[in-house]
Amino acid sequence: MKIVVVDDEPTIVLMCRRVLESQGHTVSGFTNVHAALSQLETEAVDLLVVDYKMPELNGLEFVQRAWALRPGLRVVMITAHGTREVMGRASDSGVQSIVLPSVHADGAGQGRGRRRRTDRHSPPD
């Protein structure tokens, strides 16, 4: 599977790349939203993993631009800012899954992230 990871935190991008590549996936990681959009413009991918809170565009704005380039692209959003409003907006926009990490790039927190499926028709984990 070809996966694009977009997060303004280089540590998160590296961690995602390592985990996904260890599972046999081909992963491109970006800390710059414009570079990521350029890649999506020229190369088909199977999955987009994107942070919600980024300085230039928030994750939902980025996803809308990505879908304009690649309609139907599957999306997993990562956010430590998983308020009901953010999660509702992501779900309403068509984001398939939201990951709420309990471990941050600075090492704070512990345990594994929680995942919420937003696609009501998907089978449970």
Protein backbone atom coordinates (compact mmCIF):
# COMPACT_ATOMS: atom_id res chain seq x y z
CA MET A 1 0.00 0.00 0.00
CA LYS A 2 1.26 3.51 -0.82
CA ILE A 3 0.76 5.88 2.11
CA VAL A 4 1.39 9.61 2.55
CA VAL A 5 1.90 10.91 6.10
CA VAL A 6 1.56 14.65 6.79
CA ASP A 7 2.34 16.16 10.19
CA ASP A 8 4.20 19.32 11.16
CA GLU A 9 6.09 17.34 13.82
CA PRO A 10 9.09 15.57 12.22
CA THR A 11 9.17 13.01 15.07
CA ILE A 12 5.59 11.94 14.35
CA VAL A 13 6.30 11.63 10.62
CA LEU A 14 9.36 9.49 11.35
CA MET A 15 7.50 7.29 13.82
CA CYS A 16 4.62 6.73 11.38
CA ARG A 17 7.05 5.93 8.56
CA ARG A 18 8.93 3.39 10.66
CA VAL A 19 5.79 1.62 11.84
CA LEU A 20 4.09 1.55 8.42
CA GLU A 21 7.24 0.57 6.51
CA SER A 22 7.86 -2.26 8.98
CA GLN A 23 4.43 -3.57 7.90
CA GLY A 24 5.53 -3.60 4.26
CA HIS A 25 3.97 -0.33 3.10
CA THR A 26 5.63 2.30 0.91
CA VAL A 27 5.49 5.57 2.84
CA SER A 28 6.24 9.18 1.95
CA GLY A 29 6.37 11.56 4.90
CA PHE A 30 5.99 15.33 4.86
CA THR A 31 6.17 18.16 7.38
CA ASN A 32 5.19 20.69 4.71
CA VAL A 33 1.61 20.65 3.43
CA HIS A 34 2.51 22.15 0.06
CA ALA A 35 5.14 19.49 -0.64
CA ALA A 36 2.62 16.80 0.31
CA LEU A 37 0.00 18.27 -2.03
CA SER A 38 2.58 18.36 -4.83
CA GLN A 39 3.21 14.64 -4.31
CA LEU A 40 -0.52 13.89 -4.36
CA GLU A 41 -0.83 15.88 -7.57
CA THR A 42 1.71 13.68 -9.37
CA GLU A 43 1.41 10.29 -7.67
CA ALA A 44 -1.53 8.06 -6.79
CA VAL A 45 -1.60 6.82 -3.20
CA ASP A 46 -3.87 4.46 -1.28
CA LEU A 47 -4.06 6.19 2.09
CA LEU A 48 -3.46 9.62 3.60
CA VAL A 49 -2.51 9.92 7.28
CA VAL A 50 -2.76 13.57 8.35
CA ASP A 51 -2.50 15.57 11.54
CA TYR A 52 -5.37 17.90 12.40
CA LYS A 53 -3.46 20.80 13.93
CA MET A 54 -0.81 22.16 11.57
CA PRO A 55 0.39 25.76 11.11
CA GLU A 56 -0.44 26.43 7.44
CA LEU A 57 -3.63 24.40 6.96
CA ASN A 58 -5.56 22.37 9.48
CA GLY A 59 -6.05 18.71 8.66
CA LEU A 60 -9.59 19.18 7.35
CA GLU A 61 -8.51 21.96 4.99
CA PHE A 62 -5.64 19.77 3.80
CA VAL A 63 -7.96 16.80 3.27
CA GLN A 64 -10.34 18.89 1.16
CA ARG A 65 -7.44 19.94 -1.09
CA ALA A 66 -6.17 16.36 -1.24
CA TRP A 67 -9.63 15.10 -2.27
CA ALA A 68 -9.76 17.75 -5.02
CA LEU A 69 -6.61 16.09 -6.43
CA ARG A 70 -7.47 12.48 -5.51
CA PRO A 71 -11.23 11.96 -5.09
CA GLY A 72 -12.05 8.99 -2.91
CA LEU A 73 -8.64 8.91 -1.19
CA ARG A 74 -8.98 7.14 2.17
CA VAL A 75 -7.99 9.30 5.13
CA VAL A 76 -6.92 8.66 8.71
CA MET A 77 -6.63 11.80 10.82
CA ILE A 78 -4.34 12.01 13.85
CA THR A 79 -5.18 14.57 16.51
CA ALA A 80 -4.33 15.23 20.12
CA HIS A 81 -7.09 17.87 19.90
CA GLY A 82 -9.97 15.41 19.67
CA THR A 83 -12.77 17.66 20.81
CA ARG A 84 -16.31 16.68 19.91
CA GLU A 85 -16.40 19.57 17.44
CA VAL A 86 -13.22 18.47 15.63
CA MET A 87 -14.29 14.84 15.57
CA GLY A 88 -17.76 15.75 14.34
CA ARG A 89 -16.40 17.96 11.58
CA ALA A 90 -13.96 15.23 10.49
CA SER A 91 -16.72 12.63 10.44
CA ASP A 92 -19.12 14.92 8.57
CA SER A 93 -16.44 15.69 5.97
CA GLY A 94 -15.88 11.99 5.20
CA VAL A 95 -12.69 11.18 7.13
CA GLN A 96 -12.74 7.41 7.64
CA SER A 97 -10.86 7.16 10.96
CA ILE A 98 -9.53 9.43 13.68
CA VAL A 99 -6.58 8.41 15.87
CA LEU A 100 -6.29 10.04 19.28
CA PRO A 101 -2.70 9.37 20.36
CA SER A 102 -1.88 9.15 24.05
CA VAL A 103 1.84 9.41 23.33
CA HIS A 104 3.08 12.74 22.04
CA ALA A 105 6.24 13.63 20.11
CA ASP A 106 7.80 15.00 23.30
CA GLY A 107 7.31 11.64 25.04
CA ALA A 108 4.48 12.81 27.29
CA GLY A 109 1.68 10.38 27.97
CA GLN A 110 1.69 6.64 27.91
CA GLY A 111 -0.06 3.73 26.36
CA ARG A 112 -1.45 3.26 22.89
CA GLY A 113 -3.57 5.64 20.90
CA ARG A 114 -7.31 5.26 20.69
CA ARG A 115 -8.98 5.05 17.32
CA ARG A 116 -12.49 6.09 16.44
CA ARG A 117 -14.06 4.89 13.23
CA THR A 118 -16.19 7.53 11.65
CA ASP A 119 -17.54 5.33 8.86
CA ARG A 120 -20.66 3.83 10.40
CA HIS A 121 -20.73 1.09 7.75
CA SER A 122 -17.22 -0.22 8.46
CA PRO A 123 -16.83 -3.43 10.46
CA PRO A 124 -15.63 -2.99 14.04
CA ASP A 125 -11.93 -3.33 14.82
